[in-house]
Amino acid sequence: MDDGLRVNDRLVVPNGELRERFSRSSGPGGQGVNTTDSRVELSFDLAASPSVPEALRTRALERLAGRLVDGVLTVAASEHRAQLANREAARERLAALLREATAPPPKPRRPTRPSRGAKERRLAEKKRQSQRKRERRVDGD
């Protein structure tokens, strides 16, 4: 945890670029729920980060455009009762988001056509089904 947030083998976000904010979690939690700041908001300024290479930054900014506020990506975690567990959950969630956003685009699909054998099998099956239904009919004679 002291070397930074490892997103993938090419990208590590230093801890100095991450900002954590703590607040009270909502929901049930017993006596300590109103006094413990266990909810964690982890923020990362993606647009101004010097640790993200330019190519990855533009790709991530484009893909995360709906989640960013002034170039800052924020993730909240409040599912655990312990602040430390929520901090880990927020870090994992942020890493997963950045990993997905900086992943290379998928290879374009190469259009293919069904083979002649596949067409013949499909038509033969249609004929068999048609014959089966024809044999089930009750003639009106």
C-alpha atoms as a PDB file:
ATOM      1  CA  MET A   1       0.000   0.000   0.000  1.00  0.00           C
ATOM      2  CA  ASP A   2       2.985   2.337   0.443  1.00  0.00           C
ATOM      3  CA  ASP A   3       4.238   2.160  -3.161  1.00  0.00           C
ATOM      4  CA  GLY A   4       0.974   3.360  -4.687  1.00  0.00           C
ATOM      5  CA  LEU A   5      -2.131   1.965  -6.319  1.00  0.00           C
ATOM      6  CA  ARG A   6      -1.185  -0.718  -8.873  1.00  0.00           C
ATOM      7  CA  VAL A   7      -3.656  -0.551 -11.748  1.00  0.00           C
ATOM      8  CA  ASN A   8      -1.824  -2.877 -14.130  1.00  0.00           C
ATOM      9  CA  ASP A   9       1.777  -3.722 -15.025  1.00  0.00           C
ATOM     10  CA  ARG A  10       2.240  -0.397 -16.859  1.00  0.00           C
ATOM     11  CA  LEU A  11       0.407   1.960 -14.519  1.00  0.00           C
ATOM     12  CA  VAL A  12       0.943   2.660 -10.815  1.00  0.00           C
ATOM     13  CA  VAL A  13      -0.743   5.693  -9.258  1.00  0.00           C
ATOM     14  CA  PRO A  14       1.380   7.160  -6.428  1.00  0.00           C
ATOM     15  CA  ASN A  15      -0.346   7.569  -3.070  1.00  0.00           C
ATOM     16  CA  GLY A  16       0.386  11.308  -3.174  1.00  0.00           C
ATOM     17  CA  GLU A  17      -2.055  11.730  -6.088  1.00  0.00           C
ATOM     18  CA  LEU A  18      -4.925  10.031  -4.243  1.00  0.00           C
ATOM     19  CA  ARG A  19      -7.167  11.986  -1.873  1.00  0.00           C
ATOM     20  CA  GLU A  20      -9.249  10.254   0.776  1.00  0.00           C
ATOM     21  CA  ARG A  21     -12.238  11.799   2.501  1.00  0.00           C
ATOM     22  CA  PHE A  22     -14.055  10.162   5.391  1.00  0.00           C
ATOM     23  CA  SER A  23     -17.657  10.599   6.454  1.00  0.00           C
ATOM     24  CA  ARG A  24     -20.331   8.765   8.389  1.00  0.00           C
ATOM     25  CA  SER A  25     -21.806   5.737   6.726  1.00  0.00           C
ATOM     26  CA  SER A  26     -25.563   5.447   6.325  1.00  0.00           C
ATOM     27  CA  GLY A  27     -27.623   2.440   7.341  1.00  0.00           C
ATOM     28  CA  PRO A  28     -27.552   0.129  10.366  1.00  0.00           C
ATOM     29  CA  GLY A  29     -24.408  -0.268  12.422  1.00  0.00           C
ATOM     30  CA  GLY A  30     -25.112  -0.291  16.138  1.00  0.00           C
ATOM     31  CA  GLN A  31     -23.982   2.204  18.736  1.00  0.00           C
ATOM     32  CA  GLY A  32     -20.955   3.454  16.816  1.00  0.00           C
ATOM     33  CA  VAL A  33     -22.791   4.291  13.598  1.00  0.00           C
ATOM     34  CA  ASN A  34     -23.298   7.955  14.501  1.00  0.00           C
ATOM     35  CA  THR A  35     -19.751   8.562  15.684  1.00  0.00           C
ATOM     36  CA  THR A  36     -17.511   6.542  13.327  1.00  0.00           C
ATOM     37  CA  ASP A  37     -16.373   7.997  10.007  1.00  0.00           C
ATOM     38  CA  SER A  38     -16.193   4.701   8.145  1.00  0.00           C
ATOM     39  CA  ARG A  39     -17.375   5.788   4.671  1.00  0.00           C
ATOM     40  CA  VAL A  40     -14.467   6.499   2.319  1.00  0.00           C
ATOM     41  CA  GLU A  41     -14.405   8.676  -0.793  1.00  0.00           C
ATOM     42  CA  LEU A  42     -11.254   8.148  -2.830  1.00  0.00           C
ATOM     43  CA  SER A  43     -10.531  10.812  -5.480  1.00  0.00           C
ATOM     44  CA  PHE A  44      -7.972  10.822  -8.260  1.00  0.00           C
ATOM     45  CA  ASP A  45      -7.337  13.778 -10.576  1.00  0.00           C
ATOM     46  CA  LEU A  46      -7.009  11.866 -13.832  1.00  0.00           C
ATOM     47  CA  ALA A  47      -6.807  14.917 -16.088  1.00  0.00           C
ATOM     48  CA  ALA A  48      -3.847  16.486 -14.262  1.00  0.00           C
ATOM     49  CA  SER A  49      -1.978  13.346 -13.190  1.00  0.00           C
ATOM     50  CA  PRO A  50       1.675  13.230 -14.304  1.00  0.00           C
ATOM     51  CA  SER A  51       1.911   9.497 -13.544  1.00  0.00           C
ATOM     52  CA  VAL A  52      -0.533   8.450 -16.289  1.00  0.00           C
ATOM     53  CA  PRO A  53       0.991   8.303 -19.800  1.00  0.00           C
ATOM     54  CA  GLU A  54      -0.664  10.635 -22.313  1.00  0.00           C
ATOM     55  CA  ALA A  55      -2.098   7.851 -24.505  1.00  0.00           C
ATOM     56  CA  LEU A  56      -3.684   6.090 -21.530  1.00  0.00           C
ATOM     57  CA  ARG A  57      -4.958   9.389 -20.106  1.00  0.00           C
ATOM     58  CA  THR A  58      -6.828  10.367 -23.278  1.00  0.00           C
ATOM     59  CA  ARG A  59      -8.344   6.879 -23.561  1.00  0.00           C
ATOM     60  CA  ALA A  60      -9.412   6.897 -19.901  1.00  0.00           C
ATOM     61  CA  LEU A  61     -10.793  10.454 -20.047  1.00  0.00           C
ATOM     62  CA  GLU A  62     -12.875   9.497 -23.076  1.00  0.00           C
ATOM     63  CA  ARG A  63     -14.223   6.287 -21.532  1.00  0.00           C
ATOM     64  CA  LEU A  64     -14.882   7.733 -18.064  1.00  0.00           C
ATOM     65  CA  ALA A  65     -16.335  11.043 -19.282  1.00  0.00           C
ATOM     66  CA  GLY A  66     -19.688  10.374 -17.588  1.00  0.00           C
ATOM     67  CA  ARG A  67     -18.091   9.705 -14.190  1.00  0.00           C
ATOM     68  CA  LEU A  68     -15.610  12.576 -14.081  1.00  0.00           C
ATOM     69  CA  VAL A  69     -16.200  15.926 -12.409  1.00  0.00           C
ATOM     70  CA  ASP A  70     -13.634  18.454 -13.686  1.00  0.00           C
ATOM     71  CA  GLY A  71     -11.285  15.585 -14.581  1.00  0.00           C
ATOM     72  CA  VAL A  72     -11.468  14.036 -11.094  1.00  0.00           C
ATOM     73  CA  LEU A  73     -12.611  10.431 -10.653  1.00  0.00           C
ATOM     74  CA  THR A  74     -14.234   9.715  -7.280  1.00  0.00           C
ATOM     75  CA  VAL A  75     -15.124   6.317  -5.817  1.00  0.00           C
ATOM     76  CA  ALA A  76     -17.044   5.806  -2.564  1.00  0.00           C
ATOM     77  CA  ALA A  77     -17.094   2.713  -0.356  1.00  0.00           C
ATOM     78  CA  SER A  78     -19.299   2.226   2.689  1.00  0.00           C
ATOM     79  CA  GLU A  79     -20.228  -1.472   2.614  1.00  0.00           C
ATOM     80  CA  HIS A  80     -17.949  -2.440   5.521  1.00  0.00           C
ATOM     81  CA  ARG A  81     -18.181  -1.300   9.130  1.00  0.00           C
ATOM     82  CA  ALA A  82     -14.427  -0.787   9.438  1.00  0.00           C
ATOM     83  CA  GLN A  83     -12.806   2.252   7.849  1.00  0.00           C
ATOM     84  CA  LEU A  84      -9.724   0.263   6.820  1.00  0.00           C
ATOM     85  CA  ALA A  85     -11.840  -2.306   4.963  1.00  0.00           C
ATOM     86  CA  ASN A  86     -13.689   0.509   3.169  1.00  0.00           C
ATOM     87  CA  ARG A  87     -10.366   2.114   2.226  1.00  0.00           C
ATOM     88  CA  GLU A  88      -9.211  -1.157   0.655  1.00  0.00           C
ATOM     89  CA  ALA A  89     -12.550  -1.597  -1.136  1.00  0.00           C
ATOM     90  CA  ALA A  90     -12.352   1.945  -2.547  1.00  0.00           C
ATOM     91  CA  ARG A  91      -8.766   1.389  -3.742  1.00  0.00           C
ATOM     92  CA  GLU A  92      -9.723  -1.894  -5.437  1.00  0.00           C
ATOM     93  CA  ARG A  93     -12.745  -0.266  -7.079  1.00  0.00           C
ATOM     94  CA  LEU A  94     -10.676   2.671  -8.353  1.00  0.00           C
ATOM     95  CA  ALA A  95      -7.991   0.319  -9.704  1.00  0.00           C
ATOM     96  CA  ALA A  96     -10.634  -1.788 -11.482  1.00  0.00           C
ATOM     97  CA  LEU A  97     -12.208   1.323 -13.046  1.00  0.00           C
ATOM     98  CA  LEU A  98      -8.849   2.614 -14.274  1.00  0.00           C
ATOM     99  CA  ARG A  99      -7.823  -0.852 -15.505  1.00  0.00           C
ATOM    100  CA  GLU A 100     -10.989  -1.136 -17.573  1.00  0.00           C
ATOM    101  CA  ALA A 101     -10.738   2.453 -18.864  1.00  0.00           C
ATOM    102  CA  THR A 102      -7.098   2.139 -19.955  1.00  0.00           C
ATOM    103  CA  ALA A 103      -7.448  -1.304 -21.551  1.00  0.00           C
ATOM    104  CA  PRO A 104      -6.692  -1.376 -25.274  1.00  0.00           C
ATOM    105  CA  PRO A 105      -9.728  -1.426 -27.549  1.00  0.00           C
ATOM    106  CA  PRO A 106     -10.853  -4.885 -28.695  1.00  0.00           C
ATOM    107  CA  LYS A 107      -9.792  -6.152 -32.107  1.00  0.00           C
ATOM    108  CA  PRO A 108     -12.333  -5.247 -34.787  1.00  0.00           C
ATOM    109  CA  ARG A 109     -14.571  -8.133 -35.769  1.00  0.00           C
ATOM    110  CA  ARG A 110     -13.802  -9.616 -39.133  1.00  0.00           C
ATOM    111  CA  PRO A 111     -17.103 -10.318 -40.885  1.00  0.00           C
ATOM    112  CA  THR A 112     -17.537 -13.945 -41.910  1.00  0.00           C
ATOM    113  CA  ARG A 113     -20.059 -15.844 -43.997  1.00  0.00           C
ATOM    114  CA  PRO A 114     -21.543 -19.250 -43.238  1.00  0.00           C
ATOM    115  CA  SER A 115     -19.824 -22.093 -45.097  1.00  0.00           C
ATOM    116  CA  ARG A 116     -21.578 -24.036 -47.823  1.00  0.00           C
ATOM    117  CA  GLY A 117     -21.827 -27.069 -45.541  1.00  0.00           C
ATOM    118  CA  ALA A 118     -23.442 -24.954 -42.800  1.00  0.00           C
ATOM    119  CA  LYS A 119     -26.020 -23.609 -45.278  1.00  0.00           C
ATOM    120  CA  GLU A 120     -26.790 -27.134 -46.520  1.00  0.00           C
ATOM    121  CA  ARG A 121     -27.182 -28.462 -42.955  1.00  0.00           C
ATOM    122  CA  ARG A 122     -29.516 -25.586 -42.070  1.00  0.00           C
ATOM    123  CA  LEU A 123     -31.710 -26.186 -45.129  1.00  0.00           C
ATOM    124  CA  ALA A 124     -31.730 -29.959 -44.549  1.00  0.00           C
ATOM    125  CA  GLU A 125     -32.862 -29.399 -40.938  1.00  0.00           C
ATOM    126  CA  LYS A 126     -35.606 -27.037 -42.141  1.00  0.00           C
ATOM    127  CA  LYS A 127     -36.805 -29.705 -44.585  1.00  0.00           C
ATOM    128  CA  ARG A 128     -36.773 -32.380 -41.852  1.00  0.00           C
ATOM    129  CA  GLN A 129     -38.774 -30.110 -39.521  1.00  0.00           C
ATOM    130  CA  SER A 130     -41.231 -29.285 -42.301  1.00  0.00           C
ATOM    131  CA  GLN A 131     -41.682 -32.993 -43.089  1.00  0.00           C
ATOM    132  CA  ARG A 132     -42.177 -33.802 -39.373  1.00  0.00           C
ATOM    133  CA  LYS A 133     -44.919 -31.168 -39.071  1.00  0.00           C
ATOM    134  CA  ARG A 134     -46.522 -32.294 -42.344  1.00  0.00           C
ATOM    135  CA  GLU A 135     -46.730 -35.860 -41.005  1.00  0.00           C
ATOM    136  CA  ARG A 136     -48.453 -34.669 -37.814  1.00  0.00           C
ATOM    137  CA  ARG A 137     -51.288 -33.012 -39.697  1.00  0.00           C
ATOM    138  CA  VAL A 138     -54.711 -34.578 -39.600  1.00  0.00           C
ATOM    139  CA  ASP A 139     -56.216 -34.662 -43.054  1.00  0.00           C
ATOM    140  CA  GLY A 140     -59.778 -33.431 -43.356  1.00  0.00           C
ATOM    141  CA  ASP A 141     -60.724 -36.359 -45.698  1.00  0.00           C
END
